[in-house]
Amino acid sequence: MYLIHVRLRAPAGVPEPPGLAAIISSYAQRAGEAAGKEGCGLEHVSVHPRPGGGVTLGIFLLAPSLVAAEQIAVRLVEGAFAGRSDVREYAVSGAEVVLVPGPWWDD
């Protein structure tokens, strides 16, 4: 499982759309069903507003590789937002796994 951080930008003053995690989860379920699968690897979505505007989504998903996970995360968000007027102000500005140093790293 991978945790991909997808950063969304929006013009200043645009509020976070309500139900953002549900919008993405619902889309992922429909996309998986349309492809004849149970889902497209999405396990969970968390939403974190950023100071100064924008949102970071924490997208937990199953994927065969890191590169695939990043690509799937972007496709999920962009697909979920397509044609929705309530999120049209938001755009993906980046998607990546964030490396967090820990005690297992050599200094």
PDB file of N, CA and C in Angstrom:
ATOM      1  N   MET A   1       0.855  -1.178   0.000  1.00  0.00           N
ATOM      2  CA  MET A   1       0.000   0.000   0.000  1.00  0.00           C
ATOM      3  C   MET A   1       0.896   1.234   0.000  1.00  0.00           C
ATOM      4  N   TYR A   2       0.440   2.232  -0.726  1.00  0.00           N
ATOM      5  CA  TYR A   2       1.170   3.491  -0.827  1.00  0.00           C
ATOM      6  C   TYR A   2       0.295   4.626  -0.308  1.00  0.00           C
ATOM      7  N   LEU A   3       0.950   5.610   0.296  1.00  0.00           N
ATOM      8  CA  LEU A   3       0.291   6.854   0.683  1.00  0.00           C
ATOM      9  C   LEU A   3       0.820   7.930  -0.258  1.00  0.00           C
ATOM     10  N   ILE A   4      -0.059   8.405  -1.134  1.00  0.00           N
ATOM     11  CA  ILE A   4       0.310   9.430  -2.095  1.00  0.00           C
ATOM     12  C   ILE A   4      -0.302  10.741  -1.640  1.00  0.00           C
ATOM     13  N   HIS A   5       0.502  11.779  -1.576  1.00  0.00           N
ATOM     14  CA  HIS A   5      -0.002  13.125  -1.269  1.00  0.00           C
ATOM     15  C   HIS A   5      -0.285  13.827  -2.589  1.00  0.00           C
ATOM     16  N   VAL A   6      -1.544  14.153  -2.797  1.00  0.00           N
ATOM     17  CA  VAL A   6      -1.944  14.894  -3.992  1.00  0.00           C
ATOM     18  C   VAL A   6      -2.265  16.315  -3.543  1.00  0.00           C
ATOM     19  N   ARG A   7      -1.496  17.261  -4.060  1.00  0.00           N
ATOM     20  CA  ARG A   7      -1.714  18.663  -3.713  1.00  0.00           C
ATOM     21  C   ARG A   7      -2.665  19.296  -4.720  1.00  0.00           C
ATOM     22  N   LEU A   8      -3.654  19.995  -4.182  1.00  0.00           N
ATOM     23  CA  LEU A   8      -4.622  20.698  -5.014  1.00  0.00           C
ATOM     24  C   LEU A   8      -4.462  22.188  -4.777  1.00  0.00           C
ATOM     25  N   ARG A   9      -4.533  22.955  -5.828  1.00  0.00           N
ATOM     26  CA  ARG A   9      -4.500  24.412  -5.678  1.00  0.00           C
ATOM     27  C   ARG A   9      -5.840  24.967  -6.128  1.00  0.00           C
ATOM     28  N   ALA A  10      -6.163  26.098  -5.562  1.00  0.00           N
ATOM     29  CA  ALA A  10      -7.390  26.821  -5.909  1.00  0.00           C
ATOM     30  C   ALA A  10      -7.110  28.298  -5.737  1.00  0.00           C
ATOM     31  N   PRO A  11      -7.844  29.140  -6.432  1.00  0.00           N
ATOM     32  CA  PRO A  11      -7.671  30.572  -6.239  1.00  0.00           C
ATOM     33  C   PRO A  11      -7.924  30.960  -4.781  1.00  0.00           C
ATOM     34  N   ALA A  12      -7.267  32.014  -4.334  1.00  0.00           N
ATOM     35  CA  ALA A  12      -7.440  32.493  -2.961  1.00  0.00           C
ATOM     36  C   ALA A  12      -8.912  32.728  -2.664  1.00  0.00           C
ATOM     37  N   GLY A  13      -9.321  32.329  -1.496  1.00  0.00           N
ATOM     38  CA  GLY A  13     -10.688  32.558  -1.052  1.00  0.00           C
ATOM     39  C   GLY A  13     -11.671  31.476  -1.453  1.00  0.00           C
ATOM     40  N   VAL A  14     -11.246  30.512  -2.263  1.00  0.00           N
ATOM     41  CA  VAL A  14     -12.150  29.423  -2.640  1.00  0.00           C
ATOM     42  C   VAL A  14     -12.140  28.399  -1.509  1.00  0.00           C
ATOM     43  N   PRO A  15     -13.295  28.149  -0.896  1.00  0.00           N
ATOM     44  CA  PRO A  15     -13.327  27.221   0.242  1.00  0.00           C
ATOM     45  C   PRO A  15     -13.175  25.768  -0.205  1.00  0.00           C
ATOM     46  N   GLU A  16     -12.749  24.951   0.739  1.00  0.00           N
ATOM     47  CA  GLU A  16     -12.650  23.517   0.488  1.00  0.00           C
ATOM     48  C   GLU A  16     -14.053  22.969   0.228  1.00  0.00           C
ATOM     49  N   PRO A  17     -14.239  22.233  -0.855  1.00  0.00           N
ATOM     50  CA  PRO A  17     -15.566  21.683  -1.128  1.00  0.00           C
ATOM     51  C   PRO A  17     -15.948  20.655  -0.068  1.00  0.00           C
ATOM     52  N   PRO A  18     -17.188  20.665   0.388  1.00  0.00           N
ATOM     53  CA  PRO A  18     -17.600  19.665   1.369  1.00  0.00           C
ATOM     54  C   PRO A  18     -17.636  18.278   0.723  1.00  0.00           C
ATOM     55  N   GLY A  19     -17.287  17.288   1.508  1.00  0.00           N
ATOM     56  CA  GLY A  19     -17.376  15.906   1.030  1.00  0.00           C
ATOM     57  C   GLY A  19     -16.328  15.528   0.004  1.00  0.00           C
ATOM     58  N   LEU A  20     -15.184  16.176   0.034  1.00  0.00           N
ATOM     59  CA  LEU A  20     -14.138  15.927  -0.963  1.00  0.00           C
ATOM     60  C   LEU A  20     -13.690  14.462  -0.964  1.00  0.00           C
ATOM     61  N   ALA A  21     -13.473  13.888   0.195  1.00  0.00           N
ATOM     62  CA  ALA A  21     -13.057  12.478   0.269  1.00  0.00           C
ATOM     63  C   ALA A  21     -14.137  11.572  -0.307  1.00  0.00           C
ATOM     64  N   ALA A  22     -15.396  11.876  -0.026  1.00  0.00           N
ATOM     65  CA  ALA A  22     -16.505  11.063  -0.539  1.00  0.00           C
ATOM     66  C   ALA A  22     -16.621  11.171  -2.056  1.00  0.00           C
ATOM     67  N   ILE A  23     -16.355  12.348  -2.604  1.00  0.00           N
ATOM     68  CA  ILE A  23     -16.401  12.531  -4.061  1.00  0.00           C
ATOM     69  C   ILE A  23     -15.390  11.594  -4.730  1.00  0.00           C
ATOM     70  N   ILE A  24     -14.182  11.550  -4.188  1.00  0.00           N
ATOM     71  CA  ILE A  24     -13.131  10.719  -4.770  1.00  0.00           C
ATOM     72  C   ILE A  24     -13.418   9.236  -4.547  1.00  0.00           C
ATOM     73  N   SER A  25     -13.841   8.877  -3.345  1.00  0.00           N
ATOM     74  CA  SER A  25     -14.148   7.471  -3.046  1.00  0.00           C
ATOM     75  C   SER A  25     -15.277   6.937  -3.919  1.00  0.00           C
ATOM     76  N   SER A  26     -16.307   7.743  -4.083  1.00  0.00           N
ATOM     77  CA  SER A  26     -17.442   7.344  -4.903  1.00  0.00           C
ATOM     78  C   SER A  26     -17.022   7.148  -6.360  1.00  0.00           C
ATOM     79  N   TYR A  27     -16.221   8.059  -6.868  1.00  0.00           N
ATOM     80  CA  TYR A  27     -15.734   7.933  -8.233  1.00  0.00           C
ATOM     81  C   TYR A  27     -14.903   6.660  -8.390  1.00  0.00           C
ATOM     82  N   ALA A  28     -14.014   6.393  -7.437  1.00  0.00           N
ATOM     83  CA  ALA A  28     -13.153   5.213  -7.506  1.00  0.00           C
ATOM     84  C   ALA A  28     -13.991   3.936  -7.545  1.00  0.00           C
ATOM     85  N   GLN A  29     -15.043   3.892  -6.756  1.00  0.00           N
ATOM     86  CA  GLN A  29     -15.921   2.722  -6.742  1.00  0.00           C
ATOM     87  C   GLN A  29     -16.596   2.538  -8.104  1.00  0.00           C
ATOM     88  N   ARG A  30     -17.128   3.630  -8.647  1.00  0.00           N
ATOM     89  CA  ARG A  30     -17.799   3.559  -9.957  1.00  0.00           C
ATOM     90  C   ARG A  30     -16.811   3.166 -11.058  1.00  0.00           C
ATOM     91  N   ALA A  31     -15.606   3.720 -11.013  1.00  0.00           N
ATOM     92  CA  ALA A  31     -14.595   3.409 -12.023  1.00  0.00           C
ATOM     93  C   ALA A  31     -14.201   1.941 -11.958  1.00  0.00           C
ATOM     94  N   GLY A  32     -14.060   1.426 -10.761  1.00  0.00           N
ATOM     95  CA  GLY A  32     -13.728   0.014 -10.603  1.00  0.00           C
ATOM     96  C   GLY A  32     -14.829  -0.888 -11.123  1.00  0.00           C
ATOM     97  N   GLU A  33     -16.067  -0.554 -10.795  1.00  0.00           N
ATOM     98  CA  GLU A  33     -17.191  -1.349 -11.267  1.00  0.00           C
ATOM     99  C   GLU A  33     -17.295  -1.309 -12.789  1.00  0.00           C
ATOM    100  N   ALA A  34     -17.059  -0.152 -13.383  1.00  0.00           N
ATOM    101  CA  ALA A  34     -17.128  -0.021 -14.841  1.00  0.00           C
ATOM    102  C   ALA A  34     -16.053  -0.868 -15.518  1.00  0.00           C
ATOM    103  N   ALA A  35     -14.930  -1.054 -14.840  1.00  0.00           N
ATOM    104  CA  ALA A  35     -13.837  -1.852 -15.389  1.00  0.00           C
ATOM    105  C   ALA A  35     -13.996  -3.336 -15.050  1.00  0.00           C
ATOM    106  N   GLY A  36     -15.092  -3.682 -14.368  1.00  0.00           N
ATOM    107  CA  GLY A  36     -15.328  -5.075 -14.007  1.00  0.00           C
ATOM    108  C   GLY A  36     -14.513  -5.540 -12.822  1.00  0.00           C
ATOM    109  N   LYS A  37     -14.044  -4.588 -12.009  1.00  0.00           N
ATOM    110  CA  LYS A  37     -13.257  -4.908 -10.819  1.00  0.00           C
ATOM    111  C   LYS A  37     -14.002  -4.421  -9.587  1.00  0.00           C
ATOM    112  N   GLU A  38     -13.516  -4.857  -8.453  1.00  0.00           N
ATOM    113  CA  GLU A  38     -14.116  -4.414  -7.198  1.00  0.00           C
ATOM    114  C   GLU A  38     -13.796  -2.956  -6.907  1.00  0.00           C
ATOM    115  N   GLY A  39     -12.693  -2.496  -7.358  1.00  0.00           N
ATOM    116  CA  GLY A  39     -12.258  -1.116  -7.134  1.00  0.00           C
ATOM    117  C   GLY A  39     -10.972  -0.882  -7.881  1.00  0.00           C
ATOM    118  N   CYS A  40     -10.406   0.296  -7.738  1.00  0.00           N
ATOM    119  CA  CYS A  40      -9.145   0.573  -8.440  1.00  0.00           C
ATOM    120  C   CYS A  40      -8.001   0.741  -7.452  1.00  0.00           C
ATOM    121  N   GLY A  41      -8.070   0.042  -6.345  1.00  0.00           N
ATOM    122  CA  GLY A  41      -6.986   0.058  -5.378  1.00  0.00           C
ATOM    123  C   GLY A  41      -7.114   1.089  -4.274  1.00  0.00           C
ATOM    124  N   LEU A  42      -8.125   1.937  -4.333  1.00  0.00           N
ATOM    125  CA  LEU A  42      -8.275   2.967  -3.306  1.00  0.00           C
ATOM    126  C   LEU A  42      -8.713   2.340  -1.992  1.00  0.00           C
ATOM    127  N   GLU A  43      -7.989   2.670  -0.939  1.00  0.00           N
ATOM    128  CA  GLU A  43      -8.318   2.190   0.396  1.00  0.00           C
ATOM    129  C   GLU A  43      -8.921   3.289   1.268  1.00  0.00           C
ATOM    130  N   HIS A  44      -8.386   4.508   1.152  1.00  0.00           N
ATOM    131  CA  HIS A  44      -8.827   5.598   2.035  1.00  0.00           C
ATOM    132  C   HIS A  44      -8.371   6.933   1.469  1.00  0.00           C
ATOM    133  N   VAL A  45      -9.148   7.985   1.740  1.00  0.00           N
ATOM    134  CA  VAL A  45      -8.772   9.345   1.364  1.00  0.00           C
ATOM    135  C   VAL A  45      -8.890  10.226   2.599  1.00  0.00           C
ATOM    136  N   SER A  46      -7.849  10.993   2.891  1.00  0.00           N
ATOM    137  CA  SER A  46      -7.926  11.983   3.959  1.00  0.00           C
ATOM    138  C   SER A  46      -7.697  13.363   3.340  1.00  0.00           C
ATOM    139  N   VAL A  47      -8.318  14.371   3.927  1.00  0.00           N
ATOM    140  CA  VAL A  47      -8.285  15.729   3.380  1.00  0.00           C
ATOM    141  C   VAL A  47      -7.638  16.658   4.402  1.00  0.00           C
ATOM    142  N   HIS A  48      -6.651  17.424   3.944  1.00  0.00           N
ATOM    143  CA  HIS A  48      -5.916  18.330   4.824  1.00  0.00           C
ATOM    144  C   HIS A  48      -5.831  19.710   4.176  1.00  0.00           C
ATOM    145  N   PRO A  49      -6.637  20.669   4.636  1.00  0.00           N
ATOM    146  CA  PRO A  49      -6.530  22.034   4.105  1.00  0.00           C
ATOM    147  C   PRO A  49      -5.137  22.602   4.385  1.00  0.00           C
ATOM    148  N   ARG A  50      -4.608  23.353   3.438  1.00  0.00           N
ATOM    149  CA  ARG A  50      -3.291  23.963   3.613  1.00  0.00           C
ATOM    150  C   ARG A  50      -3.458  25.427   3.977  1.00  0.00           C
ATOM    151  N   PRO A  51      -2.595  25.922   4.853  1.00  0.00           N
ATOM    152  CA  PRO A  51      -2.634  27.348   5.179  1.00  0.00           C
ATOM    153  C   PRO A  51      -2.406  28.163   3.905  1.00  0.00           C
ATOM    154  N   GLY A  52      -3.180  29.186   3.715  1.00  0.00           N
ATOM    155  CA  GLY A  52      -3.033  30.024   2.535  1.00  0.00           C
ATOM    156  C   GLY A  52      -3.812  29.531   1.331  1.00  0.00           C
ATOM    157  N   GLY A  53      -4.541  28.447   1.483  1.00  0.00           N
ATOM    158  CA  GLY A  53      -5.365  27.945   0.388  1.00  0.00           C
ATOM    159  C   GLY A  53      -4.863  26.636  -0.174  1.00  0.00           C
ATOM    160  N   GLY A  54      -5.752  25.953  -0.784  1.00  0.00           N
ATOM    161  CA  GLY A  54      -5.423  24.652  -1.348  1.00  0.00           C
ATOM    162  C   GLY A  54      -5.634  23.541  -0.344  1.00  0.00           C
ATOM    163  N   VAL A  55      -5.466  22.331  -0.820  1.00  0.00           N
ATOM    164  CA  VAL A  55      -5.724  21.138  -0.021  1.00  0.00           C
ATOM    165  C   VAL A  55      -4.677  20.095  -0.377  1.00  0.00           C
ATOM    166  N   THR A  56      -4.278  19.305   0.603  1.00  0.00           N
ATOM    167  CA  THR A  56      -3.485  18.111   0.333  1.00  0.00           C
ATOM    168  C   THR A  56      -4.360  16.907   0.641  1.00  0.00           C
ATOM    169  N   LEU A  57      -4.458  16.006  -0.326  1.00  0.00           N
ATOM    170  CA  LEU A  57      -5.196  14.767  -0.133  1.00  0.00           C
ATOM    171  C   LEU A  57      -4.195  13.666   0.197  1.00  0.00           C
ATOM    172  N   GLY A  58      -4.494  12.880   1.206  1.00  0.00           N
ATOM    173  CA  GLY A  58      -3.721  11.683   1.500  1.00  0.00           C
ATOM    174  C   GLY A  58      -4.484  10.519   0.893  1.00  0.00           C
ATOM    175  N   ILE A  59      -3.955   9.943  -0.169  1.00  0.00           N
ATOM    176  CA  ILE A  59      -4.648   8.861  -0.869  1.00  0.00           C
ATOM    177  C   ILE A  59      -3.885   7.567  -0.610  1.00  0.00           C
ATOM    178  N   PHE A  60      -4.522   6.679   0.117  1.00  0.00           N
ATOM    179  CA  PHE A  60      -3.955   5.373   0.421  1.00  0.00           C
ATOM    180  C   PHE A  60      -4.485   4.401  -0.624  1.00  0.00           C
ATOM    181  N   LEU A  61      -3.566   3.755  -1.354  1.00  0.00           N
ATOM    182  CA  LEU A  61      -4.048   2.813  -2.353  1.00  0.00           C
ATOM    183  C   LEU A  61      -3.086   1.674  -2.577  1.00  0.00           C
ATOM    184  N   LEU A  62      -3.647   0.601  -3.104  1.00  0.00           N
ATOM    185  CA  LEU A  62      -2.866  -0.566  -3.484  1.00  0.00           C
ATOM    186  C   LEU A  62      -2.483  -0.410  -4.946  1.00  0.00           C
ATOM    187  N   ALA A  63      -1.217  -0.641  -5.248  1.00  0.00           N
ATOM    188  CA  ALA A  63      -0.737  -0.516  -6.623  1.00  0.00           C
ATOM    189  C   ALA A  63       0.505  -1.383  -6.773  1.00  0.00           C
ATOM    190  N   PRO A  64       0.827  -1.757  -8.019  1.00  0.00           N
ATOM    191  CA  PRO A  64       1.993  -2.617  -8.219  1.00  0.00           C
ATOM    192  C   PRO A  64       3.342  -1.936  -8.025  1.00  0.00           C
ATOM    193  N   SER A  65       3.378  -0.589  -8.081  1.00  0.00           N
ATOM    194  CA  SER A  65       4.635   0.131  -7.901  1.00  0.00           C
ATOM    195  C   SER A  65       4.351   1.560  -7.446  1.00  0.00           C
ATOM    196  N   LEU A  66       5.399   2.226  -7.017  1.00  0.00           N
ATOM    197  CA  LEU A  66       5.285   3.618  -6.597  1.00  0.00           C
ATOM    198  C   LEU A  66       4.848   4.508  -7.761  1.00  0.00           C
ATOM    199  N   VAL A  67       5.469   4.338  -8.903  1.00  0.00           N
ATOM    200  CA  VAL A  67       5.121   5.151 -10.073  1.00  0.00           C
ATOM    201  C   VAL A  67       3.657   4.932 -10.441  1.00  0.00           C
ATOM    202  N   ALA A  68       3.217   3.682 -10.437  1.00  0.00           N
ATOM    203  CA  ALA A  68       1.811   3.385 -10.756  1.00  0.00           C
ATOM    204  C   ALA A  68       0.890   4.026  -9.730  1.00  0.00           C
ATOM    205  N   ALA A  69       1.262   3.985  -8.459  1.00  0.00           N
ATOM    206  CA  ALA A  69       0.428   4.567  -7.401  1.00  0.00           C
ATOM    207  C   ALA A  69       0.259   6.066  -7.609  1.00  0.00           C
ATOM    208  N   GLU A  70       1.341   6.759  -7.947  1.00  0.00           N
ATOM    209  CA  GLU A  70       1.247   8.198  -8.188  1.00  0.00           C
ATOM    210  C   GLU A  70       0.355   8.491  -9.389  1.00  0.00           C
ATOM    211  N   GLN A  71       0.487   7.716 -10.439  1.00  0.00           N
ATOM    212  CA  GLN A  71      -0.339   7.913 -11.632  1.00  0.00           C
ATOM    213  C   GLN A  71      -1.807   7.621 -11.357  1.00  0.00           C
ATOM    214  N   ILE A  72      -2.077   6.551 -10.635  1.00  0.00           N
ATOM    215  CA  ILE A  72      -3.457   6.188 -10.295  1.00  0.00           C
ATOM    216  C   ILE A  72      -4.086   7.278  -9.447  1.00  0.00           C
ATOM    217  N   ALA A  73      -3.342   7.792  -8.478  1.00  0.00           N
ATOM    218  CA  ALA A  73      -3.873   8.840  -7.596  1.00  0.00           C
ATOM    219  C   ALA A  73      -4.292  10.071  -8.394  1.00  0.00           C
ATOM    220  N   VAL A  74      -3.464  10.494  -9.324  1.00  0.00           N
ATOM    221  CA  VAL A  74      -3.796  11.670 -10.146  1.00  0.00           C
ATOM    222  C   VAL A  74      -5.009  11.378 -11.007  1.00  0.00           C
ATOM    223  N   ARG A  75      -5.050  10.204 -11.641  1.00  0.00           N
ATOM    224  CA  ARG A  75      -6.207   9.849 -12.480  1.00  0.00           C
ATOM    225  C   ARG A  75      -7.492   9.802 -11.666  1.00  0.00           C
ATOM    226  N   LEU A  76      -7.422   9.287 -10.440  1.00  0.00           N
ATOM    227  CA  LEU A  76      -8.609   9.246  -9.587  1.00  0.00           C
ATOM    228  C   LEU A  76      -9.129  10.643  -9.293  1.00  0.00           C
ATOM    229  N   VAL A  77      -8.241  11.529  -8.888  1.00  0.00           N
ATOM    230  CA  VAL A  77      -8.657  12.893  -8.540  1.00  0.00           C
ATOM    231  C   VAL A  77      -9.187  13.615  -9.768  1.00  0.00           C
ATOM    232  N   GLU A  78      -8.451  13.573 -10.859  1.00  0.00           N
ATOM    233  CA  GLU A  78      -8.899  14.271 -12.066  1.00  0.00           C
ATOM    234  C   GLU A  78     -10.203  13.687 -12.598  1.00  0.00           C
ATOM    235  N   GLY A  79     -10.345  12.378 -12.543  1.00  0.00           N
ATOM    236  CA  GLY A  79     -11.587  11.750 -12.986  1.00  0.00           C
ATOM    237  C   GLY A  79     -12.762  12.116 -12.093  1.00  0.00           C
ATOM    238  N   ALA A  80     -12.515  12.153 -10.795  1.00  0.00           N
ATOM    239  CA  ALA A  80     -13.583  12.491  -9.842  1.00  0.00           C
ATOM    240  C   ALA A  80     -14.033  13.940 -10.014  1.00  0.00           C
ATOM    241  N   PHE A  81     -13.118  14.813 -10.427  1.00  0.00           N
ATOM    242  CA  PHE A  81     -13.440  16.235 -10.559  1.00  0.00           C
ATOM    243  C   PHE A  81     -14.041  16.587 -11.921  1.00  0.00           C
ATOM    244  N   ALA A  82     -13.851  15.730 -12.912  1.00  0.00           N
ATOM    245  CA  ALA A  82     -14.300  16.032 -14.277  1.00  0.00           C
ATOM    246  C   ALA A  82     -15.807  16.275 -14.308  1.00  0.00           C
ATOM    247  N   GLY A  83     -16.171  17.413 -14.846  1.00  0.00           N
ATOM    248  CA  GLY A  83     -17.586  17.739 -15.016  1.00  0.00           C
ATOM    249  C   GLY A  83     -18.322  18.163 -13.753  1.00  0.00           C
ATOM    250  N   ARG A  84     -17.620  18.344 -12.656  1.00  0.00           N
ATOM    251  CA  ARG A  84     -18.268  18.745 -11.397  1.00  0.00           C
ATOM    252  C   ARG A  84     -18.049  20.238 -11.167  1.00  0.00           C
ATOM    253  N   SER A  85     -19.114  20.982 -11.097  1.00  0.00           N
ATOM    254  CA  SER A  85     -18.995  22.426 -10.902  1.00  0.00           C
ATOM    255  C   SER A  85     -18.533  22.788  -9.490  1.00  0.00           C
ATOM    256  N   ASP A  86     -18.772  21.909  -8.509  1.00  0.00           N
ATOM    257  CA  ASP A  86     -18.417  22.232  -7.128  1.00  0.00           C
ATOM    258  C   ASP A  86     -16.910  22.132  -6.846  1.00  0.00           C
ATOM    259  N   VAL A  87     -16.158  21.538  -7.758  1.00  0.00           N
ATOM    260  CA  VAL A  87     -14.708  21.410  -7.562  1.00  0.00           C
ATOM    261  C   VAL A  87     -13.914  21.938  -8.757  1.00  0.00           C
ATOM    262  N   ARG A  88     -14.570  22.635  -9.658  1.00  0.00           N
ATOM    263  CA  ARG A  88     -13.896  23.075 -10.883  1.00  0.00           C
ATOM    264  C   ARG A  88     -12.755  24.054 -10.621  1.00  0.00           C
ATOM    265  N   GLU A  89     -12.776  24.738  -9.493  1.00  0.00           N
ATOM    266  CA  GLU A  89     -11.701  25.692  -9.172  1.00  0.00           C
ATOM    267  C   GLU A  89     -10.417  24.991  -8.741  1.00  0.00           C
ATOM    268  N   TYR A  90     -10.508  23.717  -8.388  1.00  0.00           N
ATOM    269  CA  TYR A  90      -9.350  22.976  -7.893  1.00  0.00           C
ATOM    270  C   TYR A  90      -8.621  22.268  -9.020  1.00  0.00           C
ATOM    271  N   ALA A  91      -7.286  22.267  -8.962  1.00  0.00           N
ATOM    272  CA  ALA A  91      -6.462  21.577  -9.951  1.00  0.00           C
ATOM    273  C   ALA A  91      -5.315  20.872  -9.231  1.00  0.00           C
ATOM    274  N   VAL A  92      -4.905  19.735  -9.751  1.00  0.00           N
ATOM    275  CA  VAL A  92      -3.784  18.993  -9.180  1.00  0.00           C
ATOM    276  C   VAL A  92      -2.499  19.776  -9.460  1.00  0.00           C
ATOM    277  N   SER A  93      -1.740  20.042  -8.411  1.00  0.00           N
ATOM    278  CA  SER A  93      -0.464  20.733  -8.587  1.00  0.00           C
ATOM    279  C   SER A  93       0.722  19.817  -8.298  1.00  0.00           C
ATOM    280  N   GLY A  94       0.463  18.600  -7.849  1.00  0.00           N
ATOM    281  CA  GLY A  94       1.538  17.649  -7.608  1.00  0.00           C
ATOM    282  C   GLY A  94       1.012  16.394  -6.942  1.00  0.00           C
ATOM    283  N   ALA A  95       1.749  15.313  -7.134  1.00  0.00           N
ATOM    284  CA  ALA A  95       1.396  14.040  -6.498  1.00  0.00           C
ATOM    285  C   ALA A  95       2.675  13.250  -6.265  1.00  0.00           C
ATOM    286  N   GLU A  96       2.886  12.854  -5.016  1.00  0.00           N
ATOM    287  CA  GLU A  96       4.109  12.126  -4.701  1.00  0.00           C
ATOM    288  C   GLU A  96       4.012  11.476  -3.334  1.00  0.00           C
ATOM    289  N   VAL A  97       4.876  10.514  -3.140  1.00  0.00           N
ATOM    290  CA  VAL A  97       5.061   9.934  -1.819  1.00  0.00           C
ATOM    291  C   VAL A  97       6.017  10.862  -1.086  1.00  0.00           C
ATOM    292  N   VAL A  98       5.691  11.205   0.116  1.00  0.00           N
ATOM    293  CA  VAL A  98       6.561  12.068   0.908  1.00  0.00           C
ATOM    294  C   VAL A  98       7.405  11.177   1.803  1.00  0.00           C
ATOM    295  N   LEU A  99       8.704  11.322   1.683  1.00  0.00           N
ATOM    296  CA  LEU A  99       9.607  10.529   2.521  1.00  0.00           C
ATOM    297  C   LEU A  99       9.760  11.199   3.880  1.00  0.00           C
ATOM    298  N   VAL A 100       9.594  10.400   4.899  1.00  0.00           N
ATOM    299  CA  VAL A 100       9.693  10.917   6.273  1.00  0.00           C
ATOM    300  C   VAL A 100      10.900  10.264   6.930  1.00  0.00           C
ATOM    301  N   PRO A 101      11.881  11.049   7.357  1.00  0.00           N
ATOM    302  CA  PRO A 101      13.033  10.446   8.006  1.00  0.00           C
ATOM    303  C   PRO A 101      12.649   9.806   9.333  1.00  0.00           C
ATOM    304  N   GLY A 102      13.334   8.760   9.667  1.00  0.00           N
ATOM    305  CA  GLY A 102      13.055   8.072  10.916  1.00  0.00           C
ATOM    306  C   GLY A 102      14.345   7.534  11.505  1.00  0.00           C
ATOM    307  N   PRO A 103      14.225   6.838  12.633  1.00  0.00           N
ATOM    308  CA  PRO A 103      15.413   6.352  13.320  1.00  0.00           C
ATOM    309  C   PRO A 103      16.175   5.291  12.515  1.00  0.00           C
ATOM    310  N   TRP A 104      15.558   4.752  11.478  1.00  0.00           N
ATOM    311  CA  TRP A 104      16.196   3.728  10.670  1.00  0.00           C
ATOM    312  C   TRP A 104      17.125   4.327   9.620  1.00  0.00           C
ATOM    313  N   TRP A 105      17.104   5.658   9.467  1.00  0.00           N
ATOM    314  CA  TRP A 105      17.983   6.314   8.502  1.00  0.00           C
ATOM    315  C   TRP A 105      19.306   6.642   9.183  1.00  0.00           C
ATOM    316  N   ASP A 106      20.390   6.506   8.436  1.00  0.00           N
ATOM    317  CA  ASP A 106      21.698   6.910   8.958  1.00  0.00           C
ATOM    318  C   ASP A 106      21.827   8.415   8.857  1.00  0.00           C
ATOM    319  N   ASP A 107      22.380   9.028   9.859  1.00  0.00           N
ATOM    320  CA  ASP A 107      22.570  10.491   9.827  1.00  0.00           C
ATOM    321  C   ASP A 107      23.854  10.857   9.143  1.00  0.00           C
TER     322      ASP A 107
END
